[in-house]
Structure formats: C-alpha cells, structure tokens
Protein backbone atom coordinates (compact mmCIF):
# COMPACT_ATOMS: atom_id res chain seq x y z
CA MET A 1 89.67 100.93 127.43
CA LEU A 2 91.89 100.33 130.45
CA PHE A 3 93.35 103.84 130.58
CA GLU A 4 90.33 105.80 129.37
CA GLY A 5 89.54 108.63 131.75
CA LYS A 6 93.11 108.86 133.03
CA TRP A 7 93.69 112.49 133.96
CA GLU A 8 96.94 113.57 135.59
CA LYS A 9 100.27 115.29 135.12
CA ARG A 10 103.69 113.62 135.15
CA TRP A 11 107.15 115.09 135.75
CA HIS A 12 109.57 114.90 132.82
CA PRO A 13 112.96 114.43 134.54
CA LEU A 14 115.09 115.13 131.46
CA ARG A 15 113.29 118.36 130.54
CA GLN A 16 112.39 119.30 134.13
CA GLU A 17 108.81 120.18 133.27
CA TRP A 18 105.29 118.83 133.66
CA VAL A 19 103.45 116.87 130.96
CA ILE A 20 99.65 116.94 131.27
CA TYR A 21 97.67 113.79 130.35
CA ALA A 22 93.94 113.93 129.65
CA ALA A 23 93.06 110.58 128.09
CA HIS A 24 89.35 111.23 128.55
CA ARG A 25 89.66 113.80 125.74
CA ASN A 26 91.04 111.34 123.18
CA ASN A 27 87.65 110.32 121.81
CA ARG A 28 86.21 113.80 121.49
CA PRO A 29 84.75 114.54 118.02
CA TRP A 30 87.08 115.98 115.38
CA THR A 31 85.79 118.03 112.47
CA THR A 32 89.23 119.36 111.48
CA GLY A 33 92.82 118.28 111.79
CA LYS A 34 92.61 114.99 109.89
CA SER A 35 95.73 114.58 107.76
CA ILE A 36 95.59 111.67 105.40
CA ILE A 37 98.55 111.46 103.04
CA ALA A 38 98.00 108.74 100.47
CA GLU A 39 100.99 106.53 99.96
CA LYS A 40 102.13 106.69 96.35
CA PRO A 41 103.94 103.95 94.41
CA ILE A 42 107.68 104.61 94.62
CA PRO A 43 110.15 103.14 92.11
CA ALA A 44 113.42 101.52 93.13
CA TYR A 45 115.22 104.14 91.05
CA ASP A 46 114.08 107.68 90.25
CA PRO A 47 116.05 109.49 87.51
CA ALA A 48 114.92 112.83 88.97
CA CYS A 49 116.10 112.03 92.52
CA TYR A 50 119.27 113.85 93.56
CA LEU A 51 120.06 111.08 96.08
CA CYS A 52 119.85 108.05 93.78
CA PRO A 53 123.13 106.47 92.57
CA GLY A 54 124.67 108.07 89.49
CA ASN A 55 122.31 111.05 89.45
CA GLN A 56 123.21 114.73 89.30
CA ARG A 57 122.77 116.71 92.48
CA ILE A 58 121.38 120.22 92.60
CA HIS A 59 124.73 121.99 92.47
CA GLY A 60 126.18 119.92 89.66
CA GLY A 61 127.96 117.20 91.59
CA GLN A 62 127.26 113.60 90.62
CA ASN A 63 126.58 110.73 92.97
CA PRO A 64 128.77 107.68 92.49
CA ALA A 65 127.15 104.34 91.69
CA TYR A 66 127.09 103.53 95.39
CA THR A 67 125.85 100.15 96.61
CA GLY A 68 125.74 100.68 100.38
CA VAL A 69 125.79 103.71 102.70
CA TYR A 70 126.73 106.95 100.93
CA ILE A 71 127.63 110.17 102.78
CA PHE A 72 128.23 113.62 101.30
CA ASP A 73 128.33 117.25 102.41
CA ASN A 74 124.90 118.86 102.12
CA ASP A 75 124.46 121.01 99.01
CA HIS A 76 122.19 123.32 101.04
CA PRO A 77 123.98 123.41 104.40
CA VAL A 78 122.53 125.09 107.46
CA VAL A 79 126.07 125.28 108.88
CA GLY A 80 129.43 125.08 107.13
CA LEU A 81 133.17 125.51 107.58
CA GLN A 82 132.98 128.11 104.81
CA ALA A 83 130.11 130.07 106.40
CA PRO A 84 130.44 133.85 105.88
CA GLU A 85 132.27 135.85 108.51
CA ILE A 86 130.45 138.35 110.71
CA SER A 87 132.08 141.75 110.91
CA VAL A 88 133.14 143.13 114.29
CA SER A 89 130.66 145.99 113.91
CA GLU A 90 127.78 143.53 113.44
CA ALA A 91 128.83 140.95 116.02
CA VAL A 92 127.49 142.64 119.15
CA LYS A 93 124.64 145.14 119.41
CA GLY A 94 121.86 146.16 121.76
CA ASN A 95 124.15 146.87 124.70
CA GLY A 96 125.61 143.38 124.42
CA LEU A 97 122.22 141.67 124.35
CA TYR A 98 122.11 140.93 120.60
CA ARG A 99 124.97 138.84 119.23
CA LYS A 100 125.86 137.29 115.89
CA GLU A 101 128.47 134.68 114.98
CA LYS A 102 129.22 132.75 111.82
CA ALA A 103 127.21 129.55 111.34
CA LEU A 104 130.24 127.27 111.70
CA GLY A 105 129.91 123.53 111.32
CA ILE A 106 129.47 120.58 108.99
CA ALA A 107 126.17 119.49 107.44
CA ARG A 108 126.02 116.06 105.85
CA VAL A 109 123.52 113.73 104.20
CA VAL A 110 123.64 109.99 104.88
CA CYS A 111 121.94 107.83 102.23
CA TYR A 112 121.04 104.49 103.77
CA ASP A 113 120.58 102.46 100.61
CA PRO A 114 120.81 102.92 96.83
CA ARG A 115 117.17 101.87 96.43
CA HIS A 116 114.75 104.77 96.28
CA ASN A 117 111.75 102.83 97.56
CA VAL A 118 112.90 101.31 100.85
CA THR A 119 112.98 102.61 104.40
CA LEU A 120 115.04 101.30 107.30
CA ALA A 121 112.08 99.11 108.29
CA GLU A 122 112.36 97.12 105.04
CA MET A 123 116.12 96.66 105.16
CA GLU A 124 118.01 93.63 106.43
CA ILE A 125 119.41 94.05 109.93
CA THR A 126 122.97 93.75 108.61
CA GLN A 127 122.33 96.74 106.33
CA ILE A 128 120.94 98.82 109.17
CA ALA A 129 123.95 97.91 111.30
CA GLN A 130 126.13 99.28 108.50
CA VAL A 131 124.22 102.58 108.72
CA PHE A 132 124.84 102.71 112.47
CA SER A 133 128.50 101.89 111.89
CA ALA A 134 128.72 104.79 109.42
CA TRP A 135 127.24 107.08 112.07
CA ARG A 136 129.91 105.88 114.50
CA SER A 137 132.66 106.67 111.97
CA GLN A 138 131.24 110.16 111.53
CA MET A 139 131.29 110.72 115.28
CA GLN A 140 134.89 109.55 115.51
CA GLU A 141 135.77 112.08 112.80
CA PHE A 142 133.97 114.91 114.58
CA ILE A 143 135.77 114.14 117.83
CA ARG A 144 139.05 114.82 116.02
CA ASN A 145 137.80 118.12 114.57
CA SER A 146 138.56 121.03 116.89
CA TYR A 147 135.81 123.16 115.31
CA ILE A 148 133.06 120.70 116.22
CA LYS A 149 131.53 120.65 119.70
CA TYR A 150 128.36 118.66 119.07
CA ALA A 151 126.73 116.49 116.39
CA LEU A 152 123.02 115.88 115.89
CA LEU A 153 122.02 112.89 113.75
CA PHE A 154 118.38 113.00 112.73
CA GLU A 155 115.88 111.63 110.23
CA ASN A 156 112.64 113.33 109.21
CA LYS A 157 110.63 110.44 107.77
CA GLY A 158 107.47 111.03 105.78
CA GLU A 159 105.66 114.00 104.30
CA LEU A 160 103.98 114.79 107.62
CA CYS A 161 107.46 115.46 109.03
CA GLY A 162 108.44 117.71 106.14
CA VAL A 163 110.91 115.44 104.39
CA SER A 164 111.95 116.90 101.03
CA ASN A 165 112.93 113.60 99.39
CA PRO A 166 111.57 110.07 100.05
CA HIS A 167 114.91 108.42 99.26
CA PRO A 168 116.02 106.74 102.55
CA HIS A 169 118.39 109.13 104.26
CA CYS A 170 119.16 111.13 107.38
CA GLN A 171 121.16 114.26 108.09
CA ILE A 172 123.95 115.29 110.43
CA TYR A 173 124.43 118.79 111.81
CA ALA A 174 127.85 119.02 113.45
CA THR A 175 128.14 122.41 115.13
CA ASP A 176 130.38 124.61 117.26
CA PHE A 177 127.65 124.81 119.93
CA VAL A 178 125.60 122.24 121.87
CA PHE A 179 121.94 121.79 120.94
CA LYS A 180 119.43 122.87 123.56
CA HIS A 181 117.89 119.47 124.37
CA THR A 182 121.28 118.03 125.24
CA GLU A 183 122.11 121.06 127.38
CA GLN A 184 118.84 120.48 129.28
CA GLN A 185 119.57 116.80 129.73
CA LEU A 186 123.11 117.44 130.94
CA GLN A 187 121.85 119.96 133.47
CA ALA A 188 119.14 117.58 134.69
CA ALA A 189 121.62 114.68 134.95
CA ASN A 190 124.11 116.78 136.91
CA GLU A 191 121.46 118.02 139.33
CA TYR A 192 120.06 114.53 139.84
CA TYR A 193 123.49 113.10 140.54
CA LYS A 194 124.24 115.92 142.99
CA ASP A 195 120.98 115.25 144.86
CA THR A 196 120.95 111.43 144.79
CA ASN A 197 124.44 110.23 143.77
CA ARG A 198 122.70 108.22 141.02
CA ASN A 199 122.74 108.41 137.23
CA LEU A 200 119.52 109.90 135.87
CA PHE A 201 119.52 107.93 132.62
CA GLY A 202 120.38 104.72 134.43
CA GLN A 203 117.53 105.30 136.86
CA ILE A 204 115.07 105.85 134.00
CA ILE A 205 116.19 102.60 132.33
CA GLU A 206 115.96 100.76 135.67
CA ASN A 207 112.47 102.13 136.34
CA GLU A 208 111.18 101.19 132.91
CA THR A 209 112.75 97.72 133.07
CA GLU A 210 111.32 97.01 136.53
CA GLU A 211 107.80 98.16 135.61
CA GLY A 212 107.98 96.56 132.17
CA VAL A 213 104.59 97.85 131.02
CA ARG A 214 106.01 100.50 128.68
CA ILE A 215 108.78 98.39 127.09
CA VAL A 216 108.19 97.93 123.37
CA ALA A 217 111.32 96.00 122.30
CA GLU A 218 114.41 94.57 123.99
CA ASN A 219 117.40 92.35 123.32
CA THR A 220 120.73 91.60 125.02
CA GLY A 221 122.27 95.01 124.36
CA ALA A 222 119.43 97.52 123.96
CA VAL A 223 115.95 98.39 125.19
CA ALA A 224 113.13 100.55 123.81
CA PHE A 225 110.18 101.98 125.67
CA ILE A 226 107.53 104.65 125.60
CA PRO A 227 108.71 106.59 128.65
CA PHE A 228 106.54 107.28 131.68
CA PHE A 229 106.80 110.99 130.78
CA ALA A 230 106.21 110.72 126.99
CA ARG A 231 104.96 113.90 125.34
CA TYR A 232 103.91 112.38 122.01
CA ALA A 233 101.45 109.48 121.87
CA TYR A 234 103.88 107.02 120.29
CA GLU A 235 107.16 108.53 121.48
CA VAL A 236 109.87 105.92 121.99
CA MET A 237 113.32 106.13 123.60
CA ILE A 238 115.93 103.50 122.71
CA PHE A 239 118.99 103.00 124.92
CA PRO A 240 122.04 100.77 124.60
CA LYS A 241 122.12 98.97 127.94
CA LYS A 242 125.78 99.77 128.44
CA ARG A 243 126.37 103.48 128.97
CA HIS A 244 128.16 105.34 126.18
CA ALA A 245 128.35 109.11 125.88
CA THR A 246 128.43 108.93 122.06
CA LEU A 247 128.30 106.32 119.32
CA ALA A 248 132.07 106.65 118.90
CA THR A 249 132.87 104.15 121.67
CA MET A 250 130.24 101.50 120.89
CA SER A 251 131.34 98.04 119.74
CA ASP A 252 130.04 96.33 116.60
CA THR A 253 127.92 94.00 118.72
CA GLU A 254 126.39 96.89 120.66
CA LEU A 255 125.61 98.75 117.43
CA TYR A 256 123.99 95.63 116.00
CA ASP A 257 121.77 95.21 119.06
CA LEU A 258 120.80 98.89 119.01
CA ALA A 259 119.98 98.65 115.29
CA ALA A 260 117.90 95.52 115.84
CA VAL A 261 115.77 97.10 118.56
CA PHE A 262 115.35 100.26 116.47
CA ARG A 263 114.18 98.21 113.48
CA GLU A 264 111.69 96.30 115.61
CA VAL A 265 110.20 99.55 116.91
CA ILE A 266 109.69 101.12 113.48
CA ARG A 267 108.25 97.87 112.14
CA ARG A 268 105.76 97.85 114.98
CA TYR A 269 104.78 101.41 114.01
CA ASN A 270 104.21 100.39 110.38
CA LEU A 271 102.22 97.27 111.19
CA ASN A 272 100.13 99.01 113.85
CA PHE A 273 99.13 101.84 111.50
CA GLU A 274 99.22 99.78 108.28
CA MET A 275 101.36 102.43 106.61
CA SER A 276 104.92 103.65 106.33
CA PHE A 277 104.75 105.46 109.64
CA PRO A 278 106.17 109.02 109.82
CA TYR A 279 108.50 110.10 112.58
CA VAL A 280 111.31 112.41 113.61
CA MET A 281 114.24 110.35 114.86
CA SER A 282 117.31 111.79 116.56
CA VAL A 283 120.39 110.27 118.12
CA GLN A 284 120.95 112.15 121.37
CA GLN A 285 124.63 112.22 122.35
CA ALA A 286 127.00 114.09 124.63
CA PRO A 287 129.07 116.98 123.26
CA VAL A 288 132.36 116.19 121.49
CA ASP A 289 134.25 119.20 122.84
CA GLY A 290 137.13 117.30 124.44
CA LYS A 291 135.51 117.11 127.87
CA GLU A 292 134.32 113.99 129.67
CA TYR A 293 130.60 113.42 130.20
CA PRO A 294 130.42 110.42 132.56
CA LEU A 295 126.75 111.01 133.41
CA TYR A 296 125.43 111.10 129.85
CA HIS A 297 123.89 108.00 128.26
CA LEU A 298 123.35 108.23 124.51
CA HIS A 299 119.92 107.23 123.22
CA MET A 300 117.68 107.40 120.20
CA SER A 301 114.50 109.43 120.38
CA ILE A 302 111.58 108.78 118.03
CA LEU A 303 108.82 111.40 117.95
CA PRO A 304 105.91 110.50 115.65
CA PRO A 305 103.43 113.24 114.68
CA LEU A 306 100.35 110.96 114.60
CA ARG A 307 98.31 110.33 117.73
CA GLN A 308 95.60 108.38 115.88
CA PRO A 309 95.42 107.10 112.30
CA GLY A 310 95.20 110.25 110.20
CA LEU A 311 95.19 112.57 113.20
CA VAL A 312 98.22 114.77 113.75
CA LYS A 313 99.43 116.04 117.11
CA PHE A 314 99.60 119.74 116.37
CA LEU A 315 101.58 121.90 118.77
CA ALA A 316 99.18 124.62 119.81
CA GLY A 317 98.18 126.65 122.87
CA PRO A 318 99.71 124.60 125.71
CA GLU A 319 102.87 123.62 123.80
CA ILE A 320 103.64 126.77 121.79
CA GLY A 321 101.88 129.33 123.93
CA GLY A 322 102.55 127.87 127.37
CA GLY A 323 105.62 125.70 126.88
CA ASN A 324 104.23 122.46 128.36
CA PHE A 325 102.84 119.45 126.50
CA MET A 326 99.23 118.29 126.78
CA ALA A 327 98.70 114.65 125.73
CA ASP A 328 95.42 112.93 124.92
CA THR A 329 96.81 109.45 125.47
CA ILE A 330 98.52 107.54 128.26
CA PRO A 331 101.98 106.01 127.65
CA GLU A 332 101.02 102.59 129.06
CA GLU A 333 98.11 102.30 126.63
CA LYS A 334 100.22 103.14 123.56
CA ALA A 335 103.03 100.82 124.68
CA ALA A 336 100.56 97.94 125.01
CA GLU A 337 99.23 98.74 121.55
CA LEU A 338 102.69 98.52 119.95
CA LYS A 339 103.68 95.49 122.01
CA ASN A 340 100.68 93.51 120.77
CA VAL A 341 101.75 93.86 117.12
CA ASN A 342 102.99 90.64 115.50
CA VAL A 343 106.29 91.99 114.22
CA ASP A 344 107.19 88.62 112.65
CA ALA A 345 104.68 89.40 109.90
CA TYR A 346 106.88 92.14 108.45
CA LYS A 347 108.12 91.67 104.89
CA ILE A 348 111.68 92.49 103.86
CA ARG A 349 112.34 93.99 100.42
C-alpha cells in the first residue's frame, strides 16, 4: 500500500504533544485482541427499553409518546443541581492539596428518534438537523444558567464504546467547570495566536483544505477530515466553516450543513466496515461562563475504537503508561479509504 512502512512522529497542535506513527506494524500477526460483536436484530419498539416512547423509566417516570427529539434529565446523573453538599471539614485536606466540592451541574439524555432500531446514519437529514437544533437550544439554556460554565455533548455508539442502551441517543454533561480537553485547546489557541497572530483552528482548517488528501466530506458550510495529527485510525474532526464558539450562535442553515457532513461521515464508516460502526462522538465547544472566546472554533470529534475490522485500538503502554499515542496507521491512508466509499448506496429507514 502507498503508506505502508511510514514511520514518523507528528506534532498535535491542539494537545501540544507528539503522536507516533508506525504503519509498518499494522500487518503484524494478531493472536489476541480481536473483538467481534455480532449485530443482533433490533425491533423498532422494545417494551423493555427505558428510552422508547410511552415506557417506564428506571425511577418510575414515564416517557411521553414522543414523535421527534425527546430530552429529559438523566435518572442516573453524574452531576446535578441537587448534588449533596460537602462539609467544610471535608472540603480541604492534605495541607490544601486534596480538595472536594459538590458535583454541581445538569445531566441530560437526548433521544434522537422514537424508533429503537435506527441510528443517526439511517435518519433523514431533516431529522438529524432537528437533533442539532435541539442541541443548540440546550446550549442557549445553559448560557442563561449562572451555575453552568461548560457543556459537553457526547454519544457513545455501539457496545465496543460501552453504550448501555442501543436506542439512538446522546448525553449532555453541563458542569460548573471546564473539561480538560477544552482547557488544553484554549491554551494551545492562545499560545499560537500570541506567537503568530493567527487562529489555530482556522490554520488547521486552511491546512487541511489546501492539502485536500485527508478531507472525507465537505459542503458549503462544513468540512470533515482525518487530521494530520490523528491519534485514532479513523478519527474525524468536523468544523462549521464559519467560526462559532458554541452551537448557540449557529444559524439553521449552518446547522443543516454541519448535520449533513456529519451524516456523510458516519455513513462512510458503516459502508466501509459493513456494520453499524461504533464511535465516541463529542461536540467540542467553548465555555459558557459569560466570557468571550474569540479564538475558539467549535467542532465535532469522532473517535472510533476500531483500527481494522474486528480489531480494537486498546490504550496500553504508550497511551496509558507514557501519555502519548502510538498509531499503526497513517491518516492519509485512512482518509483515502473513507473517501473511496460510495456513500450514495446508503439506505434510509
């Protein structure tokens, strides 16, 4: 193959760390690590599913007979406005080194569709745009909430990503602190602007657009690519072309374009692997703490666990022990693979 034998390291400008690429190792023999999860038939409605319309949820609440996007507060929240208080005596220990605070925030579930057996890839683009519009409404609400400083929207799709229910949904963690990846990106963007007087995110988009080889999908308002510095084999970043710090300020047209590019990417995954492809998706946005973040450019990040059919990218010695990623594939090769998929062959349910 064109990139076989590629052996190098690349600088990740948003994380400010090296990613090591050793594509010559990709075809080494594997006697362990294969993870085949057989796809099971899934009904359009499951009476035992706590996300299906009309069903009872775990804590006794009942879902309405919803027909579109349905959002509710998580019955098992990781953060909450009613989180237990931490006593003064327990708040600070270890000579000020060990601190506790209440887990303040809002945790919500966003059901995309009443049907139990569809994913975003099978939905009409107008339906997906409605999901994105619901996300925007949530962000506008969080901006008005003085307790909330940041909101992470994410979807864990597929058993390999640990999803607890196959019903199409994502989650929102709105917190009183900023998640670490965004802190890193803000720091990197500020440093880059100080050194070059240029926007880091804008420069990444410009670089990818000029080279073109890693672009997977694009339309008038959005672009998707496997970045030059990808850590996962099929990692994709999706940007609206116009800079927005959060979804809250995006127009309907911009949301539609972003949704369309996102759908094309996940359809390419499914067709390329001939399966409902697992991934962790997150919407990376600036904090909503009342400050301005003129350097931040919101984007979607898709991190799939598979690096080959049935072969999972386990985080091991380099990643967990050392803190830097080691990849067995080259971004250009994986981008070409996804780009060559005939996405027009996808069937809509």
